[in-house]
């Protein structure tokens, strides 16, 4: 685009094409946009985004103009349904948290922190317990089903609920996270053999082990996209996403029916007299493990000021 110096009117370069697409990855100020014909166009962002303090993110749906596949510009960022600052990614619909039921054992605190983060970002958490051929995952599944979170057991080895796992994909962008050794690669390969991830390489491909870059990329998978999001693997480290203490109770869906029913409006739900959440825990309506995770997260964020989260 350019302005006619005589009339002040905007003139469109006839050599430019326009299209819409999704940012598949970003690197050093370049944005790689998959457009309607499947091509990837390398783009820069228009300067107006900098003046508006906005940056395009992997996962953003955008309008672009381009002269060829290596010379394009992001013109517009469409409204986001969700976004994370760290890792920088937009429009994730589901965060699929995979934990093996055995070898290694589940870490319920990490699961709870990840699911709370997803809830706080308007992202649906899904908790999948793998390797159910080695041990019964029923007690763990029940904790999360009772909390109102989709959860089920699965085994790639015995083909248990692989179809159910496959049904999670194909609708927009999903992020997948889980410790090394929980069977992510085996499950993905069971759903789509064309993905062809060697079982010892999932750590590099999908956010673990040697993969320490903060860049985020999308991979096409089963009709949708998987976001390779290294930041989800470092929630315990400085620089990860923080849930403000005021929002934290709403990030535990089983708490919501009790909120507003406490004796004190300032209740933090960490042990005060007259706390409806605490009473629900005592009655067995909220799992002890979930409540313990809530208090642990609350303790870690209670003294953080707003400016620390910017």
Protein backbone atom coordinates (compact mmCIF):
# COMPACT_ATOMS: atom_id res chain seq x y z
CA UNK A 1 0.00 0.00 0.00
CA UNK A 2 1.17 3.58 -0.72
CA UNK A 3 -0.33 7.07 -0.68
CA UNK A 4 -0.58 9.20 -3.81
CA UNK A 5 1.41 12.35 -2.92
CA UNK A 6 -0.87 14.50 -5.06
CA UNK A 7 -4.31 13.30 -3.89
CA UNK A 8 -3.52 11.70 -0.52
CA UNK A 9 -5.49 8.60 -1.58
CA UNK A 10 -4.23 5.15 -0.75
CA UNK A 11 -3.14 3.25 -3.82
CA UNK A 12 -3.00 -0.52 -3.90
CA UNK A 13 0.04 -2.10 -5.51
CA UNK A 14 -1.39 -4.20 -8.33
CA UNK A 15 1.38 -6.74 -7.78
CA UNK A 16 0.15 -7.51 -4.26
CA UNK A 17 -2.20 -10.35 -3.38
CA UNK A 18 -4.37 -10.54 -0.27
CA UNK A 19 -5.43 -13.58 1.74
CA UNK A 20 -6.25 -14.79 5.25
CA UNK A 21 -4.50 -17.52 7.17
CA UNK A 22 -3.03 -18.78 10.42
CA UNK A 23 0.45 -18.07 11.77
CA UNK A 24 2.22 -21.42 11.95
CA UNK A 25 5.39 -20.11 13.59
CA UNK A 26 7.36 -16.94 14.20
CA UNK A 27 11.11 -16.44 14.20
CA UNK A 28 13.23 -13.30 14.52
CA UNK A 29 10.45 -10.93 13.49
CA UNK A 30 9.17 -13.11 10.63
CA UNK A 31 5.72 -14.72 10.69
CA UNK A 32 5.03 -17.80 8.60
CA UNK A 33 1.37 -17.74 7.57
CA UNK A 34 -0.48 -20.68 6.05
CA UNK A 35 -2.97 -19.25 3.57
CA UNK A 36 -6.07 -20.70 1.92
CA UNK A 37 -4.25 -22.70 -0.76
CA UNK A 38 -1.93 -24.31 1.80
CA UNK A 39 1.10 -22.21 0.91
CA UNK A 40 3.27 -20.66 3.62
CA UNK A 41 3.98 -16.94 3.21
CA UNK A 42 6.84 -15.30 5.11
CA UNK A 43 5.59 -12.02 6.53
CA UNK A 44 6.65 -9.04 8.58
CA UNK A 45 4.19 -7.24 10.86
CA UNK A 46 3.04 -3.76 9.95
CA UNK A 47 4.47 -0.97 12.09
CA UNK A 48 0.99 -0.07 13.35
CA UNK A 49 1.04 -3.13 15.63
CA UNK A 50 4.13 -1.82 17.39
CA UNK A 51 2.48 1.55 18.00
CA UNK A 52 -0.57 -0.27 19.38
CA UNK A 53 1.68 -2.46 21.57
CA UNK A 54 0.39 -5.63 19.89
CA UNK A 55 2.48 -8.47 18.52
CA UNK A 56 1.22 -11.25 16.24
CA UNK A 57 1.43 -14.68 17.86
CA UNK A 58 1.67 -18.22 16.57
CA UNK A 59 -1.93 -19.40 16.28
CA UNK A 60 -3.27 -15.97 15.30
CA UNK A 61 -5.73 -15.77 12.42
CA UNK A 62 -4.59 -12.88 10.27
CA UNK A 63 -5.15 -11.00 7.02
CA UNK A 64 -2.03 -10.50 4.95
CA UNK A 65 -0.84 -8.90 1.74
CA UNK A 66 2.04 -10.38 -0.24
CA UNK A 67 3.93 -10.15 -3.51
CA UNK A 68 5.40 -13.65 -3.30
CA UNK A 69 5.88 -16.39 -0.71
CA UNK A 70 8.84 -14.60 0.87
CA UNK A 71 7.52 -11.05 0.88
CA UNK A 72 4.34 -10.49 2.83
CA UNK A 73 2.91 -8.29 5.58
CA UNK A 74 0.48 -9.00 8.39
CA UNK A 75 -2.29 -6.42 7.94
CA UNK A 76 -4.85 -7.45 10.58
CA UNK A 77 -5.02 -9.76 13.59
CA UNK A 78 -8.44 -11.31 14.12
CA UNK A 79 -10.00 -11.44 17.59
CA UNK A 80 -8.43 -14.11 19.79
CA UNK A 81 -10.41 -16.69 21.76
CA UNK A 82 -7.42 -17.20 24.07
CA UNK A 83 -3.79 -16.25 24.35
CA UNK A 84 -0.77 -16.91 26.52
CA UNK A 85 2.08 -14.49 27.05
CA UNK A 86 4.50 -17.23 28.08
CA UNK A 87 4.57 -19.34 25.96
CA UNK A 88 3.45 -16.82 23.30
CA UNK A 89 0.57 -18.53 21.50
CA UNK A 90 -3.02 -17.65 20.57
CA UNK A 91 -6.32 -19.41 19.95
CA UNK A 92 -5.65 -22.67 21.77
CA UNK A 93 -8.99 -24.41 22.35
CA UNK A 94 -7.82 -27.38 24.39
CA UNK A 95 -4.84 -28.03 26.63
CA UNK A 96 -4.41 -31.81 26.68
CA UNK A 97 -2.50 -32.84 29.79
CA UNK A 98 -1.12 -36.36 29.59
CA UNK A 99 0.03 -38.18 32.71
CA UNK A 100 0.94 -41.84 32.91
CA UNK A 101 -0.74 -43.78 35.69
CA UNK A 102 2.55 -45.59 36.29
CA UNK A 103 6.19 -45.30 35.18
CA UNK A 104 6.28 -42.41 36.01
CA UNK A 105 3.65 -41.89 38.71
CA UNK A 106 1.19 -38.98 38.31
CA UNK A 107 2.10 -35.60 39.78
CA UNK A 108 -1.33 -34.25 40.69
CA UNK A 109 -0.03 -30.81 41.65
CA UNK A 110 1.44 -30.24 38.19
CA UNK A 111 -1.79 -31.50 36.59
CA UNK A 112 -3.83 -29.15 38.78
CA UNK A 113 -1.62 -26.17 38.04
CA UNK A 114 -1.81 -26.78 34.30
CA UNK A 115 -5.58 -27.26 34.34
CA UNK A 116 -6.04 -24.10 36.44
CA UNK A 117 -3.88 -22.16 33.98
CA UNK A 118 -6.01 -23.41 31.10
CA UNK A 119 -9.25 -22.45 32.87
CA UNK A 120 -7.89 -18.98 33.59
CA UNK A 121 -7.19 -18.50 29.88
CA UNK A 122 -10.59 -19.68 28.60
CA UNK A 123 -9.00 -22.90 27.35
CA UNK A 124 -10.59 -26.30 27.97
CA UNK A 125 -8.31 -28.61 29.96
CA UNK A 126 -8.47 -32.32 29.18
CA UNK A 127 -6.63 -34.78 31.43
CA UNK A 128 -5.61 -38.10 29.95
CA UNK A 129 -4.06 -40.88 32.03
CA UNK A 130 -1.93 -43.09 29.82
CA UNK A 131 -0.54 -46.62 30.31
CA UNK A 132 -3.76 -47.91 31.88
CA UNK A 133 -2.57 -51.37 30.80
CA UNK A 134 -0.01 -51.12 33.63
CA UNK A 135 -2.35 -49.95 36.41
CA UNK A 136 -5.95 -48.85 36.99
CA UNK A 137 -6.39 -45.09 36.46
CA UNK A 138 -10.00 -45.02 37.66
CA UNK A 139 -9.35 -43.21 40.95
CA UNK A 140 -7.44 -40.44 39.19
CA UNK A 141 -10.02 -40.07 36.44
CA UNK A 142 -12.75 -39.77 39.07
CA UNK A 143 -11.01 -36.84 40.78
CA UNK A 144 -11.15 -34.79 37.59
CA UNK A 145 -14.55 -35.94 36.39
CA UNK A 146 -15.95 -34.84 39.78
CA UNK A 147 -14.23 -31.49 39.28
CA UNK A 148 -16.06 -31.03 35.97
CA UNK A 149 -13.00 -31.63 33.80
CA UNK A 150 -12.97 -34.09 30.90
CA UNK A 151 -10.71 -36.98 31.90
CA UNK A 152 -10.23 -40.58 30.81
CA UNK A 153 -7.68 -43.37 30.70
CA UNK A 154 -5.97 -44.58 27.56
CA UNK A 155 -3.48 -47.16 26.39
CA UNK A 156 -1.75 -47.10 23.02
CA UNK A 157 -0.35 -50.58 23.78
CA UNK A 158 -3.80 -52.16 24.29
CA UNK A 159 -5.77 -49.75 22.06
CA UNK A 160 -7.90 -48.54 24.98
CA UNK A 161 -9.77 -45.28 24.26
CA UNK A 162 -7.46 -44.36 21.38
CA UNK A 163 -10.52 -43.31 19.36
CA UNK A 164 -11.63 -41.10 22.26
CA UNK A 165 -8.18 -39.54 22.34
CA UNK A 166 -8.32 -39.00 18.57
CA UNK A 167 -11.65 -37.18 18.91
CA UNK A 168 -9.92 -34.42 20.89
CA UNK A 169 -8.22 -33.17 17.73
CA UNK A 170 -9.47 -31.76 14.46
CA UNK A 171 -11.13 -28.65 15.86
CA UNK A 172 -8.66 -25.77 15.75
CA UNK A 173 -5.50 -25.61 17.82
CA UNK A 174 -4.71 -27.98 20.69
CA UNK A 175 -1.66 -27.91 22.94
CA UNK A 176 -0.24 -31.12 24.31
CA UNK A 177 1.87 -31.38 27.44
CA UNK A 178 3.16 -34.10 29.73
CA UNK A 179 6.39 -35.32 31.27
CA UNK A 180 8.91 -37.37 29.34
CA UNK A 181 7.95 -41.02 29.31
CA UNK A 182 4.18 -40.67 29.66
CA UNK A 183 3.58 -41.99 26.14
CA UNK A 184 2.74 -38.87 24.12
CA UNK A 185 4.49 -40.09 20.99
CA UNK A 186 2.93 -43.55 21.16
CA UNK A 187 -0.55 -42.02 21.45
CA UNK A 188 -0.04 -39.56 18.60
CA UNK A 189 1.36 -42.27 16.36
CA UNK A 190 -1.59 -44.53 17.26
CA UNK A 191 -3.99 -41.79 16.14
CA UNK A 192 -2.09 -40.84 12.99
CA UNK A 193 0.78 -43.11 11.86
CA UNK A 194 1.78 -40.47 9.30
CA UNK A 195 2.94 -38.26 12.16
CA UNK A 196 5.83 -40.72 12.55
CA UNK A 197 7.41 -39.53 15.78
CA UNK A 198 10.04 -41.95 17.12
CA UNK A 199 9.19 -42.67 20.75
CA UNK A 200 12.50 -41.26 22.00
CA UNK A 201 12.11 -38.04 20.00
CA UNK A 202 8.83 -36.72 21.42
CA UNK A 203 10.85 -34.81 24.03
CA UNK A 204 12.36 -32.72 21.26
CA UNK A 205 9.29 -32.50 19.04
CA UNK A 206 6.68 -31.64 21.63
CA UNK A 207 8.04 -29.42 24.37
CA UNK A 208 10.33 -31.49 26.57
CA UNK A 209 13.94 -32.36 27.23
CA UNK A 210 16.42 -30.77 24.87
CA UNK A 211 13.82 -28.42 23.41
CA UNK A 212 14.49 -25.23 25.37
CA UNK A 213 13.56 -22.60 22.74
CA UNK A 214 10.71 -20.25 23.59
CA UNK A 215 9.48 -20.25 20.00
CA UNK A 216 6.11 -21.83 19.36
CA UNK A 217 5.20 -23.74 16.19
CA UNK A 218 2.03 -25.39 14.92
CA UNK A 219 2.00 -28.84 13.38
CA UNK A 220 -0.88 -30.15 11.32
CA UNK A 221 -2.42 -33.18 12.97
CA UNK A 222 -5.59 -35.19 12.41
CA UNK A 223 -7.44 -32.32 10.72
CA UNK A 224 -6.35 -29.68 13.22
CA UNK A 225 -3.15 -28.33 14.73
CA UNK A 226 -0.93 -29.19 17.67
CA UNK A 227 0.91 -26.28 19.23
CA UNK A 228 4.49 -27.16 20.12
CA UNK A 229 4.64 -25.03 23.27
CA UNK A 230 7.89 -25.36 25.24
CA UNK A 231 6.72 -22.90 27.89
CA UNK A 232 4.13 -25.28 29.34
CA UNK A 233 6.94 -27.54 30.46
CA UNK A 234 8.46 -24.86 32.70
CA UNK A 235 5.56 -23.68 34.83
CA UNK A 236 7.66 -24.13 37.95
CA UNK A 237 10.33 -21.83 36.60
CA UNK A 238 10.50 -18.06 36.77
CA UNK A 239 8.84 -16.42 33.79
CA UNK A 240 5.88 -18.77 33.48
CA UNK A 241 2.26 -17.65 33.44
CA UNK A 242 0.80 -16.47 36.75
CA UNK A 243 -2.85 -16.72 37.78
CA UNK A 244 -3.85 -13.67 39.88
CA UNK A 245 -5.05 -14.69 43.34
CA UNK A 246 -8.44 -13.04 42.70
CA UNK A 247 -9.00 -15.27 39.65
CA UNK A 248 -7.57 -18.47 41.11
CA UNK A 249 -10.79 -19.80 42.77
CA UNK A 250 -12.61 -19.53 39.42
CA UNK A 251 -9.84 -21.59 37.80
CA UNK A 252 -10.98 -24.59 39.86
CA UNK A 253 -14.40 -25.35 38.33
CA UNK A 254 -15.61 -27.41 41.30
CA UNK A 255 -15.20 -24.32 43.54
CA UNK A 256 -17.55 -22.13 41.52
CA UNK A 257 -20.86 -23.27 43.02
CA UNK A 258 -19.57 -22.35 46.49
CA UNK A 259 -18.10 -18.95 45.67
CA UNK A 260 -20.10 -16.08 47.15
CA UNK A 261 -21.46 -18.31 49.92
CA UNK A 262 -18.65 -17.79 52.44
CA UNK A 263 -19.16 -15.86 55.68
CA UNK A 264 -16.65 -13.19 54.64
CA UNK A 265 -16.59 -11.57 51.20
CA UNK A 266 -12.79 -11.38 51.39
CA UNK A 267 -12.46 -15.14 51.97
CA UNK A 268 -9.37 -16.60 50.31
CA UNK A 269 -10.69 -20.17 50.76
CA UNK A 270 -7.51 -21.25 52.50
CA UNK A 271 -8.95 -22.17 55.90
CA UNK A 272 -11.10 -19.27 57.13
CA UNK A 273 -14.06 -19.92 59.41
CA UNK A 274 -17.31 -19.99 57.49
CA UNK A 275 -15.65 -20.82 54.17
CA UNK A 276 -18.07 -22.70 51.92
CA UNK A 277 -15.22 -24.21 49.92
CA UNK A 278 -13.57 -25.59 53.06
CA UNK A 279 -16.89 -27.09 54.14
CA UNK A 280 -17.25 -28.75 50.74
CA UNK A 281 -13.80 -30.30 51.17
CA UNK A 282 -14.76 -31.64 54.61
CA UNK A 283 -17.92 -33.19 53.12
CA UNK A 284 -15.94 -34.85 50.34
CA UNK A 285 -17.55 -32.71 47.63
CA UNK A 286 -14.14 -31.33 46.62
CA UNK A 287 -11.13 -33.65 46.43
CA UNK A 288 -8.46 -33.13 49.09
CA UNK A 289 -5.74 -33.29 46.44
CA UNK A 290 -7.36 -30.51 44.42
CA UNK A 291 -7.81 -28.32 47.48
CA UNK A 292 -4.22 -28.91 48.52
CA UNK A 293 -3.07 -27.81 45.05
CA UNK A 294 -5.25 -24.70 45.25
CA UNK A 295 -3.71 -23.66 48.58
CA UNK A 296 -0.20 -24.31 47.28
CA UNK A 297 -0.78 -22.20 44.18
CA UNK A 298 -2.48 -19.47 46.22
CA UNK A 299 0.47 -19.32 48.58
CA UNK A 300 2.82 -18.83 45.63
CA UNK A 301 0.84 -15.90 44.12
CA UNK A 302 -0.74 -14.15 47.12
CA UNK A 303 2.03 -11.56 47.45
CA UNK A 304 2.55 -10.90 43.72
CA UNK A 305 1.57 -7.39 42.64
CA UNK A 306 -0.17 -6.54 39.36
CA UNK A 307 2.94 -4.93 37.89
CA UNK A 308 4.87 -8.20 38.35
CA UNK A 309 2.51 -9.92 35.92
CA UNK A 310 2.88 -7.49 33.05
